Amino acid sequence: MKLLSTVAAVSIYQALAFALPAESPVEKRATVQGFDISHYQSNVNFQGAYNSGARFVIIKATEGTTYIDPSFSTHYNGATAASLKRGGYHFARPSSSSGATQANFFLAHGGGWSGDGRTLPGMLDIEYNPSGATCYGLSQSAMVSWISDFVNTYHGKTTRWPMIYSTNDWWTTCTGNSAAFHTTCPLVLARYSTAGPGTIPGGWPYQTIWQNSDSYAYGGDSDIFNGGLTGLQNLCTG
């Protein structure tokens, strides 16, 4: 084949380039800022958070079957007054009692759900044991059974599946990377990074909320909802 002259080749290239549609910029997925808090945050600026763009907060309610967060009511009322969507979370202690027992304790002390359009489903915080064996002395299968007991009890009482908070490492280590909950319970994945949530465990196709930092300007930890305001509203209403 005879080579085109340089001038002809440039002319053809320019004509083709002009005919092609301009490259579309990569669309950035919508996200919504939120945060989570407990009694460790005694002074939370709820209105400041809302004014800066935050739209939800997850508040510690209970731990095991003996601890009720003393700041829960104050935090919950403050969040409500600032028009934030809010919900409670339960810090699991799987070695102390059954999942059902702890779910009922959570429900009795702030962990309930209502279809008012501003209440998030409760969240099970299941992670590293702060005072003993990482997996609380349970085998992987026993841990999955414990979690099932909790989430099934919660669902039976509220009609909503609770969110599950964990890390990829803990979930893989202590449940064997179980995929038993990925079609029912929204995942709240903790990974402190600016590079994204990282590996998603347990068969979940994506995280619903990413806890991306342990420091948020208005109090507590920073959480990023994976979607826009409509998706956040849907999470509240079910």
C-alpha atoms as a PDB file:
ATOM      1  CA  MET A   1       0.000   0.000   0.000  1.00  0.00           C
ATOM      2  CA  LYS A   2       1.278   3.401  -0.978  1.00  0.00           C
ATOM      3  CA  LEU A   3       1.866   5.711   2.021  1.00  0.00           C
ATOM      4  CA  LEU A   4      -0.124   8.944   2.157  1.00  0.00           C
ATOM      5  CA  SER A   5       1.748  12.169   2.056  1.00  0.00           C
ATOM      6  CA  THR A   6       2.201  13.898   5.404  1.00  0.00           C
ATOM      7  CA  VAL A   7      -0.150  16.728   4.445  1.00  0.00           C
ATOM      8  CA  ALA A   8      -2.894  14.362   3.310  1.00  0.00           C
ATOM      9  CA  ALA A   9      -2.622  12.241   6.437  1.00  0.00           C
ATOM     10  CA  VAL A  10      -2.923  15.270   8.692  1.00  0.00           C
ATOM     11  CA  SER A  11      -5.947  16.526   6.762  1.00  0.00           C
ATOM     12  CA  ILE A  12      -7.776  13.198   7.089  1.00  0.00           C
ATOM     13  CA  TYR A  13      -6.945  12.974  10.827  1.00  0.00           C
ATOM     14  CA  GLN A  14      -8.316  16.466  11.418  1.00  0.00           C
ATOM     15  CA  ALA A  15     -11.516  15.698   9.539  1.00  0.00           C
ATOM     16  CA  LEU A  16     -12.123  12.507  11.523  1.00  0.00           C
ATOM     17  CA  ALA A  17     -11.359  14.176  14.817  1.00  0.00           C
ATOM     18  CA  PHE A  18     -13.852  16.929  14.045  1.00  0.00           C
ATOM     19  CA  ALA A  19     -16.544  14.384  13.191  1.00  0.00           C
ATOM     20  CA  LEU A  20     -16.211  12.445  16.452  1.00  0.00           C
ATOM     21  CA  PRO A  21     -18.281  13.559  19.463  1.00  0.00           C
ATOM     22  CA  ALA A  22     -16.361  15.230  22.243  1.00  0.00           C
ATOM     23  CA  GLU A  23     -15.296  12.892  25.052  1.00  0.00           C
ATOM     24  CA  SER A  24     -17.701  13.073  27.999  1.00  0.00           C
ATOM     25  CA  PRO A  25     -16.193  13.831  31.379  1.00  0.00           C
ATOM     26  CA  VAL A  26     -16.341  11.035  33.948  1.00  0.00           C
ATOM     27  CA  GLU A  27     -19.526  11.449  35.961  1.00  0.00           C
ATOM     28  CA  LYS A  28     -18.897  11.739  39.697  1.00  0.00           C
ATOM     29  CA  ARG A  29     -21.279   9.614  41.739  1.00  0.00           C
ATOM     30  CA  ALA A  30     -23.420  11.543  44.176  1.00  0.00           C
ATOM     31  CA  THR A  31     -22.629  11.135  47.868  1.00  0.00           C
ATOM     32  CA  VAL A  32     -24.041  12.538  51.085  1.00  0.00           C
ATOM     33  CA  GLN A  33     -21.955  13.494  54.112  1.00  0.00           C
ATOM     34  CA  GLY A  34     -22.868  12.140  57.520  1.00  0.00           C
ATOM     35  CA  PHE A  35     -21.213  11.215  60.801  1.00  0.00           C
ATOM     36  CA  ASP A  36     -21.475   8.892  63.792  1.00  0.00           C
ATOM     37  CA  ILE A  37     -21.133   9.716  67.472  1.00  0.00           C
ATOM     38  CA  SER A  38     -21.269   8.348  70.994  1.00  0.00           C
ATOM     39  CA  HIS A  39     -20.880   9.694  74.533  1.00  0.00           C
ATOM     40  CA  TYR A  40     -17.216  10.315  73.754  1.00  0.00           C
ATOM     41  CA  GLN A  41     -18.409  13.353  71.809  1.00  0.00           C
ATOM     42  CA  SER A  42     -19.941  15.526  74.503  1.00  0.00           C
ATOM     43  CA  ASN A  43     -20.218  18.646  72.346  1.00  0.00           C
ATOM     44  CA  VAL A  44     -21.593  18.041  68.867  1.00  0.00           C
ATOM     45  CA  ASN A  45     -22.452  20.918  66.550  1.00  0.00           C
ATOM     46  CA  PHE A  46     -25.463  19.386  64.810  1.00  0.00           C
ATOM     47  CA  GLN A  47     -26.606  22.598  63.165  1.00  0.00           C
ATOM     48  CA  GLY A  48     -23.103  23.361  61.967  1.00  0.00           C
ATOM     49  CA  ALA A  49     -22.901  19.885  60.455  1.00  0.00           C
ATOM     50  CA  TYR A  50     -26.212  20.359  58.667  1.00  0.00           C
ATOM     51  CA  ASN A  51     -25.215  23.783  57.400  1.00  0.00           C
ATOM     52  CA  SER A  52     -21.988  22.314  56.002  1.00  0.00           C
ATOM     53  CA  GLY A  53     -23.881  19.648  54.039  1.00  0.00           C
ATOM     54  CA  ALA A  54     -24.264  16.699  56.417  1.00  0.00           C
ATOM     55  CA  ARG A  55     -27.685  15.072  56.308  1.00  0.00           C
ATOM     56  CA  PHE A  56     -27.502  12.086  58.653  1.00  0.00           C
ATOM     57  CA  VAL A  57     -25.978  10.908  61.902  1.00  0.00           C
ATOM     58  CA  ILE A  58     -25.734   7.460  63.512  1.00  0.00           C
ATOM     59  CA  ILE A  59     -25.763   7.563  67.305  1.00  0.00           C
ATOM     60  CA  LYS A  60     -24.574   4.948  69.788  1.00  0.00           C
ATOM     61  CA  ALA A  61     -27.476   3.632  71.830  1.00  0.00           C
ATOM     62  CA  THR A  62     -26.356   0.418  73.503  1.00  0.00           C
ATOM     63  CA  GLU A  63     -23.569  -2.111  74.036  1.00  0.00           C
ATOM     64  CA  GLY A  64     -24.017  -5.748  75.008  1.00  0.00           C
ATOM     65  CA  THR A  65     -26.971  -6.023  77.390  1.00  0.00           C
ATOM     66  CA  THR A  66     -25.773  -3.840  80.248  1.00  0.00           C
ATOM     67  CA  TYR A  67     -24.744  -0.523  78.728  1.00  0.00           C
ATOM     68  CA  ILE A  68     -26.969   2.342  77.565  1.00  0.00           C
ATOM     69  CA  ASP A  69     -25.104   5.317  76.132  1.00  0.00           C
ATOM     70  CA  PRO A  70     -25.800   8.217  78.522  1.00  0.00           C
ATOM     71  CA  SER A  71     -25.686  10.766  75.697  1.00  0.00           C
ATOM     72  CA  PHE A  72     -28.062   8.989  73.342  1.00  0.00           C
ATOM     73  CA  SER A  73     -31.203  10.984  74.109  1.00  0.00           C
ATOM     74  CA  THR A  74     -29.380  14.322  74.046  1.00  0.00           C
ATOM     75  CA  HIS A  75     -27.678  13.461  70.784  1.00  0.00           C
ATOM     76  CA  TYR A  76     -30.874  12.139  69.218  1.00  0.00           C
ATOM     77  CA  ASN A  77     -32.846  15.235  70.133  1.00  0.00           C
ATOM     78  CA  GLY A  78     -30.056  17.497  68.900  1.00  0.00           C
ATOM     79  CA  ALA A  79     -29.954  15.707  65.568  1.00  0.00           C
ATOM     80  CA  THR A  80     -33.723  15.943  65.227  1.00  0.00           C
ATOM     81  CA  ALA A  81     -33.716  19.655  65.968  1.00  0.00           C
ATOM     82  CA  ALA A  82     -31.112  20.202  63.243  1.00  0.00           C
ATOM     83  CA  SER A  83     -33.248  18.303  60.671  1.00  0.00           C
ATOM     84  CA  LEU A  84     -30.693  15.500  60.331  1.00  0.00           C
ATOM     85  CA  LYS A  85     -31.832  11.994  59.559  1.00  0.00           C
ATOM     86  CA  ARG A  86     -30.793   9.863  62.514  1.00  0.00           C
ATOM     87  CA  GLY A  87     -30.673   6.363  63.890  1.00  0.00           C
ATOM     88  CA  GLY A  88     -29.084   4.318  66.634  1.00  0.00           C
ATOM     89  CA  TYR A  89     -26.323   1.743  66.693  1.00  0.00           C
ATOM     90  CA  HIS A  90     -25.519  -1.182  68.947  1.00  0.00           C
ATOM     91  CA  PHE A  91     -21.970  -2.250  69.781  1.00  0.00           C
ATOM     92  CA  ALA A  92     -22.039  -6.044  69.772  1.00  0.00           C
ATOM     93  CA  ARG A  93     -20.604  -8.208  72.528  1.00  0.00           C
ATOM     94  CA  PRO A  94     -21.143 -11.674  71.037  1.00  0.00           C
ATOM     95  CA  SER A  95     -19.475 -13.508  73.920  1.00  0.00           C
ATOM     96  CA  SER A  96     -21.843 -12.160  76.578  1.00  0.00           C
ATOM     97  CA  SER A  97     -25.318 -13.131  75.329  1.00  0.00           C
ATOM     98  CA  SER A  98     -27.260 -14.196  72.250  1.00  0.00           C
ATOM     99  CA  GLY A  99     -27.851 -12.048  69.221  1.00  0.00           C
ATOM    100  CA  ALA A 100     -31.594 -12.019  69.899  1.00  0.00           C
ATOM    101  CA  THR A 101     -31.071 -10.864  73.488  1.00  0.00           C
ATOM    102  CA  GLN A 102     -28.861  -7.991  72.367  1.00  0.00           C
ATOM    103  CA  ALA A 103     -31.215  -7.008  69.531  1.00  0.00           C
ATOM    104  CA  ASN A 104     -34.094  -6.768  71.988  1.00  0.00           C
ATOM    105  CA  PHE A 105     -31.974  -4.704  74.388  1.00  0.00           C
ATOM    106  CA  PHE A 106     -31.073  -2.370  71.528  1.00  0.00           C
ATOM    107  CA  LEU A 107     -34.708  -2.031  70.481  1.00  0.00           C
ATOM    108  CA  ALA A 108     -35.742  -1.226  74.028  1.00  0.00           C
ATOM    109  CA  HIS A 109     -33.203   1.574  74.382  1.00  0.00           C
ATOM    110  CA  GLY A 110     -33.215   3.678  71.248  1.00  0.00           C
ATOM    111  CA  GLY A 111     -32.583   1.241  68.414  1.00  0.00           C
ATOM    112  CA  GLY A 112     -36.079   1.113  66.990  1.00  0.00           C
ATOM    113  CA  TRP A 113     -37.243   2.260  63.576  1.00  0.00           C
ATOM    114  CA  SER A 114     -40.308   4.167  62.430  1.00  0.00           C
ATOM    115  CA  GLY A 115     -41.522   5.018  58.968  1.00  0.00           C
ATOM    116  CA  ASP A 116     -41.442   8.765  59.553  1.00  0.00           C
ATOM    117  CA  GLY A 117     -38.984   9.367  56.726  1.00  0.00           C
ATOM    118  CA  ARG A 118     -36.221  10.612  58.997  1.00  0.00           C
ATOM    119  CA  THR A 119     -35.255   7.510  60.970  1.00  0.00           C
ATOM    120  CA  LEU A 120     -32.488   5.230  59.725  1.00  0.00           C
ATOM    121  CA  PRO A 121     -32.700   1.497  60.372  1.00  0.00           C
ATOM    122  CA  GLY A 122     -30.601   0.487  63.364  1.00  0.00           C
ATOM    123  CA  MET A 123     -26.975  -0.489  62.883  1.00  0.00           C
ATOM    124  CA  LEU A 124     -25.126  -3.483  64.301  1.00  0.00           C
ATOM    125  CA  ASP A 125     -21.524  -2.508  65.060  1.00  0.00           C
ATOM    126  CA  ILE A 126     -19.697  -5.838  64.869  1.00  0.00           C
ATOM    127  CA  GLU A 127     -15.925  -5.494  64.972  1.00  0.00           C
ATOM    128  CA  TYR A 128     -12.733  -6.035  66.939  1.00  0.00           C
ATOM    129  CA  ASN A 129     -13.165  -6.961  70.580  1.00  0.00           C
ATOM    130  CA  PRO A 130     -11.751  -4.020  72.572  1.00  0.00           C
ATOM    131  CA  SER A 131     -11.046  -6.184  75.615  1.00  0.00           C
ATOM    132  CA  GLY A 132     -10.203  -9.717  74.515  1.00  0.00           C
ATOM    133  CA  ALA A 133     -10.010 -12.167  71.642  1.00  0.00           C
ATOM    134  CA  THR A 134     -10.614 -10.509  68.281  1.00  0.00           C
ATOM    135  CA  CYS A 135     -13.551 -12.765  67.449  1.00  0.00           C
ATOM    136  CA  TYR A 136     -14.884 -12.961  71.018  1.00  0.00           C
ATOM    137  CA  GLY A 137     -13.946 -16.629  71.259  1.00  0.00           C
ATOM    138  CA  LEU A 138     -16.481 -17.654  68.597  1.00  0.00           C
ATOM    139  CA  SER A 139     -15.777 -19.785  65.555  1.00  0.00           C
ATOM    140  CA  GLN A 140     -16.589 -18.344  62.154  1.00  0.00           C
ATOM    141  CA  SER A 141     -19.785 -20.379  61.865  1.00  0.00           C
ATOM    142  CA  ALA A 142     -20.839 -19.461  65.398  1.00  0.00           C
ATOM    143  CA  MET A 143     -20.262 -15.785  64.636  1.00  0.00           C
ATOM    144  CA  VAL A 144     -22.438 -15.977  61.514  1.00  0.00           C
ATOM    145  CA  SER A 145     -25.145 -17.655  63.591  1.00  0.00           C
ATOM    146  CA  TRP A 146     -24.892 -14.915  66.219  1.00  0.00           C
ATOM    147  CA  ILE A 147     -25.231 -12.167  63.628  1.00  0.00           C
ATOM    148  CA  SER A 148     -28.169 -13.983  62.033  1.00  0.00           C
ATOM    149  CA  ASP A 149     -29.868 -14.172  65.418  1.00  0.00           C
ATOM    150  CA  PHE A 150     -29.464 -10.422  65.876  1.00  0.00           C
ATOM    151  CA  VAL A 151     -30.550  -9.275  62.417  1.00  0.00           C
ATOM    152  CA  ASN A 152     -33.488 -11.696  62.197  1.00  0.00           C
ATOM    153  CA  THR A 153     -34.759 -10.556  65.588  1.00  0.00           C
ATOM    154  CA  TYR A 154     -34.424  -6.907  64.606  1.00  0.00           C
ATOM    155  CA  HIS A 155     -36.203  -7.505  61.315  1.00  0.00           C
ATOM    156  CA  GLY A 156     -38.961  -9.461  63.005  1.00  0.00           C
ATOM    157  CA  LYS A 157     -39.696  -6.587  65.366  1.00  0.00           C
ATOM    158  CA  THR A 158     -39.327  -3.654  62.935  1.00  0.00           C
ATOM    159  CA  THR A 159     -39.793  -5.085  59.393  1.00  0.00           C
ATOM    160  CA  ARG A 160     -36.417  -3.521  58.554  1.00  0.00           C
ATOM    161  CA  TRP A 161     -33.049  -5.219  58.205  1.00  0.00           C
ATOM    162  CA  PRO A 162     -30.412  -3.472  60.276  1.00  0.00           C
ATOM    163  CA  MET A 163     -27.271  -2.058  58.750  1.00  0.00           C
ATOM    164  CA  ILE A 164     -24.066  -3.949  59.543  1.00  0.00           C
ATOM    165  CA  TYR A 165     -20.893  -2.030  60.376  1.00  0.00           C
ATOM    166  CA  SER A 166     -17.526  -3.767  60.138  1.00  0.00           C
ATOM    167  CA  THR A 167     -14.155  -3.818  58.412  1.00  0.00           C
ATOM    168  CA  ASN A 168     -13.000  -6.060  55.593  1.00  0.00           C
ATOM    169  CA  ASP A 169     -10.309  -7.568  57.821  1.00  0.00           C
ATOM    170  CA  TRP A 170     -12.594  -8.357  60.757  1.00  0.00           C
ATOM    171  CA  TRP A 171     -15.371  -9.711  58.570  1.00  0.00           C
ATOM    172  CA  THR A 172     -12.996 -11.992  56.699  1.00  0.00           C
ATOM    173  CA  THR A 173     -11.252 -13.160  59.861  1.00  0.00           C
ATOM    174  CA  CYS A 174     -14.256 -13.700  62.093  1.00  0.00           C
ATOM    175  CA  THR A 175     -17.034 -14.761  59.702  1.00  0.00           C
ATOM    176  CA  GLY A 176     -14.931 -16.431  57.009  1.00  0.00           C
ATOM    177  CA  ASN A 177     -16.063 -13.671  54.644  1.00  0.00           C
ATOM    178  CA  SER A 178     -19.655 -14.854  54.941  1.00  0.00           C
ATOM    179  CA  ALA A 179     -22.036 -13.737  52.196  1.00  0.00           C
ATOM    180  CA  ALA A 180     -25.116 -14.533  54.288  1.00  0.00           C
ATOM    181  CA  PHE A 181     -26.246 -10.923  54.660  1.00  0.00           C
ATOM    182  CA  HIS A 182     -25.373  -9.131  51.447  1.00  0.00           C
ATOM    183  CA  THR A 183     -28.918  -9.225  50.037  1.00  0.00           C
ATOM    184  CA  THR A 184     -30.629  -7.960  53.170  1.00  0.00           C
ATOM    185  CA  CYS A 185     -28.464  -5.817  55.460  1.00  0.00           C
ATOM    186  CA  PRO A 186     -26.892  -2.602  54.123  1.00  0.00           C
ATOM    187  CA  LEU A 187     -23.132  -2.527  54.672  1.00  0.00           C
ATOM    188  CA  VAL A 188     -21.387   0.245  56.585  1.00  0.00           C
ATOM    189  CA  LEU A 189     -17.712  -0.286  55.837  1.00  0.00           C
ATOM    190  CA  ALA A 190     -14.956   1.257  57.931  1.00  0.00           C
ATOM    191  CA  ARG A 191     -11.712   2.160  56.173  1.00  0.00           C
ATOM    192  CA  TYR A 192      -9.869   5.342  57.043  1.00  0.00           C
ATOM    193  CA  SER A 193      -8.485   6.436  53.716  1.00  0.00           C
ATOM    194  CA  THR A 194      -8.724   9.098  51.054  1.00  0.00           C
ATOM    195  CA  ALA A 195      -8.363   6.449  48.353  1.00  0.00           C
ATOM    196  CA  GLY A 196     -11.803   4.880  48.651  1.00  0.00           C
ATOM    197  CA  PRO A 197     -13.443   2.124  50.697  1.00  0.00           C
ATOM    198  CA  GLY A 198     -11.146  -0.613  49.391  1.00  0.00           C
ATOM    199  CA  THR A 199     -12.131  -4.283  49.217  1.00  0.00           C
ATOM    200  CA  ILE A 200     -15.812  -4.925  49.849  1.00  0.00           C
ATOM    201  CA  PRO A 201     -16.261  -8.123  51.906  1.00  0.00           C
ATOM    202  CA  GLY A 202     -19.030 -10.659  52.245  1.00  0.00           C
ATOM    203  CA  GLY A 203     -20.484 -10.629  48.751  1.00  0.00           C
ATOM    204  CA  TRP A 204     -21.838  -7.104  49.099  1.00  0.00           C
ATOM    205  CA  PRO A 205     -21.615  -5.448  45.675  1.00  0.00           C
ATOM    206  CA  TYR A 206     -20.889  -2.076  47.275  1.00  0.00           C
ATOM    207  CA  GLN A 207     -20.959  -0.287  50.607  1.00  0.00           C
ATOM    208  CA  THR A 208     -24.048   1.712  51.522  1.00  0.00           C
ATOM    209  CA  ILE A 209     -22.037   3.928  53.870  1.00  0.00           C
ATOM    210  CA  TRP A 210     -18.276   4.344  54.066  1.00  0.00           C
ATOM    211  CA  GLN A 211     -16.751   5.439  57.370  1.00  0.00           C
ATOM    212  CA  ASN A 212     -13.796   7.175  55.815  1.00  0.00           C
ATOM    213  CA  SER A 213     -12.258   8.969  58.807  1.00  0.00           C
ATOM    214  CA  ASP A 214     -12.214   8.875  62.589  1.00  0.00           C
ATOM    215  CA  SER A 215     -12.366  12.662  62.700  1.00  0.00           C
ATOM    216  CA  TYR A 216     -15.225  14.896  61.591  1.00  0.00           C
ATOM    217  CA  ALA A 217     -15.139  18.654  62.061  1.00  0.00           C
ATOM    218  CA  TYR A 218     -18.479  18.838  63.874  1.00  0.00           C
ATOM    219  CA  GLY A 219     -18.046  15.745  66.048  1.00  0.00           C
ATOM    220  CA  GLY A 220     -17.344  12.016  65.828  1.00  0.00           C
ATOM    221  CA  ASP A 221     -16.377   9.989  62.760  1.00  0.00           C
ATOM    222  CA  SER A 222     -16.987  10.932  59.139  1.00  0.00           C
ATOM    223  CA  ASP A 223     -19.420   8.805  57.110  1.00  0.00           C
ATOM    224  CA  ILE A 224     -20.157   9.011  53.387  1.00  0.00           C
ATOM    225  CA  PHE A 225     -23.463   7.705  52.035  1.00  0.00           C
ATOM    226  CA  ASN A 226     -23.008   6.002  48.674  1.00  0.00           C
ATOM    227  CA  GLY A 227     -25.669   7.838  46.685  1.00  0.00           C
ATOM    228  CA  GLY A 228     -27.705  11.019  46.591  1.00  0.00           C
ATOM    229  CA  LEU A 229     -30.391  12.445  48.844  1.00  0.00           C
ATOM    230  CA  THR A 230     -33.092  10.303  47.232  1.00  0.00           C
ATOM    231  CA  GLY A 231     -31.159   7.153  48.063  1.00  0.00           C
ATOM    232  CA  LEU A 232     -30.690   8.322  51.641  1.00  0.00           C
ATOM    233  CA  GLN A 233     -34.401   8.969  51.901  1.00  0.00           C
ATOM    234  CA  ASN A 234     -35.103   5.488  50.574  1.00  0.00           C
ATOM    235  CA  LEU A 235     -32.833   4.028  53.249  1.00  0.00           C
ATOM    236  CA  CYS A 236     -34.975   5.745  55.859  1.00  0.00           C
ATOM    237  CA  THR A 237     -38.343   4.758  54.440  1.00  0.00           C
ATOM    238  CA  GLY A 238     -37.471   1.230  53.318  1.00  0.00           C
END
